[in-house]
């Protein structure tokens, strides 16, 4: 799906943080007997994207310790 979407000019992103609501998603889709392992979002890229800032280095957690 991701390769075909890219071929059609549609952007995608892999979502693996849907697992905390997998029961809700499966219920909505009528797939209670299935196991959700990920999701994929599809969309079109903005022609004028807003650049978001990045976290400063001291806010990154590396190896369970806050780097300063």
C-alpha atoms as a PDB file:
ATOM      1  CA  UNK A   1       0.000   0.000   0.000  1.00  0.00           C
ATOM      2  CA  UNK A   2       2.780   2.399   0.909  1.00  0.00           C
ATOM      3  CA  UNK A   3       4.651   1.850  -2.361  1.00  0.00           C
ATOM      4  CA  UNK A   4       1.478   2.254  -4.435  1.00  0.00           C
ATOM      5  CA  UNK A   5       0.489   5.394  -2.538  1.00  0.00           C
ATOM      6  CA  UNK A   6       3.943   6.866  -3.185  1.00  0.00           C
ATOM      7  CA  UNK A   7       3.608   6.000  -6.878  1.00  0.00           C
ATOM      8  CA  UNK A   8       0.275   7.897  -6.904  1.00  0.00           C
ATOM      9  CA  UNK A   9       1.804  10.939  -5.200  1.00  0.00           C
ATOM     10  CA  UNK A  10       0.211  10.233  -1.818  1.00  0.00           C
ATOM     11  CA  UNK A  11       2.343  10.548   1.294  1.00  0.00           C
ATOM     12  CA  UNK A  12       2.207   7.973   4.082  1.00  0.00           C
ATOM     13  CA  UNK A  13       3.446   7.517   7.591  1.00  0.00           C
ATOM     14  CA  UNK A  14       3.750   4.327   9.603  1.00  0.00           C
ATOM     15  CA  UNK A  15       1.975   4.493  12.970  1.00  0.00           C
ATOM     16  CA  UNK A  16       2.944   2.022  15.661  1.00  0.00           C
ATOM     17  CA  UNK A  17       1.515   3.963  18.600  1.00  0.00           C
ATOM     18  CA  UNK A  18      -2.064   2.882  17.856  1.00  0.00           C
ATOM     19  CA  UNK A  19      -1.718  -0.138  20.120  1.00  0.00           C
ATOM     20  CA  UNK A  20      -3.116   1.646  23.171  1.00  0.00           C
ATOM     21  CA  UNK A  21      -6.468   2.043  21.365  1.00  0.00           C
ATOM     22  CA  UNK A  22      -6.423  -1.189  19.363  1.00  0.00           C
ATOM     23  CA  UNK A  23      -9.630  -2.463  20.980  1.00  0.00           C
ATOM     24  CA  UNK A  24     -11.490   0.705  19.952  1.00  0.00           C
ATOM     25  CA  UNK A  25     -10.165   0.579  16.383  1.00  0.00           C
ATOM     26  CA  UNK A  26     -10.945  -3.134  15.999  1.00  0.00           C
ATOM     27  CA  UNK A  27     -14.454  -2.596  17.364  1.00  0.00           C
ATOM     28  CA  UNK A  28     -15.057   0.304  14.952  1.00  0.00           C
ATOM     29  CA  UNK A  29     -13.881  -1.804  12.012  1.00  0.00           C
ATOM     30  CA  UNK A  30     -15.762  -4.912  13.180  1.00  0.00           C
ATOM     31  CA  UNK A  31     -12.524  -6.869  13.496  1.00  0.00           C
ATOM     32  CA  UNK A  32     -12.659  -7.953  17.134  1.00  0.00           C
ATOM     33  CA  UNK A  33     -11.107 -11.324  16.262  1.00  0.00           C
ATOM     34  CA  UNK A  34      -7.981  -9.714  14.729  1.00  0.00           C
ATOM     35  CA  UNK A  35      -4.815  -8.297  16.286  1.00  0.00           C
ATOM     36  CA  UNK A  36      -3.846  -4.754  15.339  1.00  0.00           C
ATOM     37  CA  UNK A  37      -0.084  -4.331  15.035  1.00  0.00           C
ATOM     38  CA  UNK A  38       0.248  -0.924  13.343  1.00  0.00           C
ATOM     39  CA  UNK A  39      -1.518   1.687  11.266  1.00  0.00           C
ATOM     40  CA  UNK A  40      -0.744   3.698   8.156  1.00  0.00           C
ATOM     41  CA  UNK A  41      -1.883   7.283   7.597  1.00  0.00           C
ATOM     42  CA  UNK A  42      -2.363   8.546   4.044  1.00  0.00           C
ATOM     43  CA  UNK A  43      -2.497  12.141   2.862  1.00  0.00           C
ATOM     44  CA  UNK A  44      -1.273  14.819   0.537  1.00  0.00           C
ATOM     45  CA  UNK A  45       1.723  16.984   1.409  1.00  0.00           C
ATOM     46  CA  UNK A  46       1.054  20.667   1.975  1.00  0.00           C
ATOM     47  CA  UNK A  47       2.468  22.946  -0.691  1.00  0.00           C
ATOM     48  CA  UNK A  48       3.489  25.370   2.069  1.00  0.00           C
ATOM     49  CA  UNK A  49       4.428  23.223   5.065  1.00  0.00           C
ATOM     50  CA  UNK A  50       5.000  24.827   8.445  1.00  0.00           C
ATOM     51  CA  UNK A  51       8.443  23.928   9.741  1.00  0.00           C
ATOM     52  CA  UNK A  52       8.240  22.689  13.303  1.00  0.00           C
ATOM     53  CA  UNK A  53      11.086  23.165  15.719  1.00  0.00           C
ATOM     54  CA  UNK A  54      13.070  20.377  17.277  1.00  0.00           C
ATOM     55  CA  UNK A  55      13.625  19.650  20.929  1.00  0.00           C
ATOM     56  CA  UNK A  56      16.798  21.016  22.420  1.00  0.00           C
ATOM     57  CA  UNK A  57      19.449  18.389  23.094  1.00  0.00           C
ATOM     58  CA  UNK A  58      19.050  18.600  26.895  1.00  0.00           C
ATOM     59  CA  UNK A  59      15.447  17.376  26.590  1.00  0.00           C
ATOM     60  CA  UNK A  60      16.396  14.132  24.826  1.00  0.00           C
ATOM     61  CA  UNK A  61      16.438  10.935  26.849  1.00  0.00           C
ATOM     62  CA  UNK A  62      19.272   8.583  25.972  1.00  0.00           C
ATOM     63  CA  UNK A  63      19.729   5.234  27.686  1.00  0.00           C
ATOM     64  CA  UNK A  64      17.199   6.083  30.391  1.00  0.00           C
ATOM     65  CA  UNK A  65      19.124   9.178  31.545  1.00  0.00           C
ATOM     66  CA  UNK A  66      18.396  12.786  30.725  1.00  0.00           C
ATOM     67  CA  UNK A  67      21.334  14.156  28.789  1.00  0.00           C
ATOM     68  CA  UNK A  68      22.523  17.601  29.928  1.00  0.00           C
END
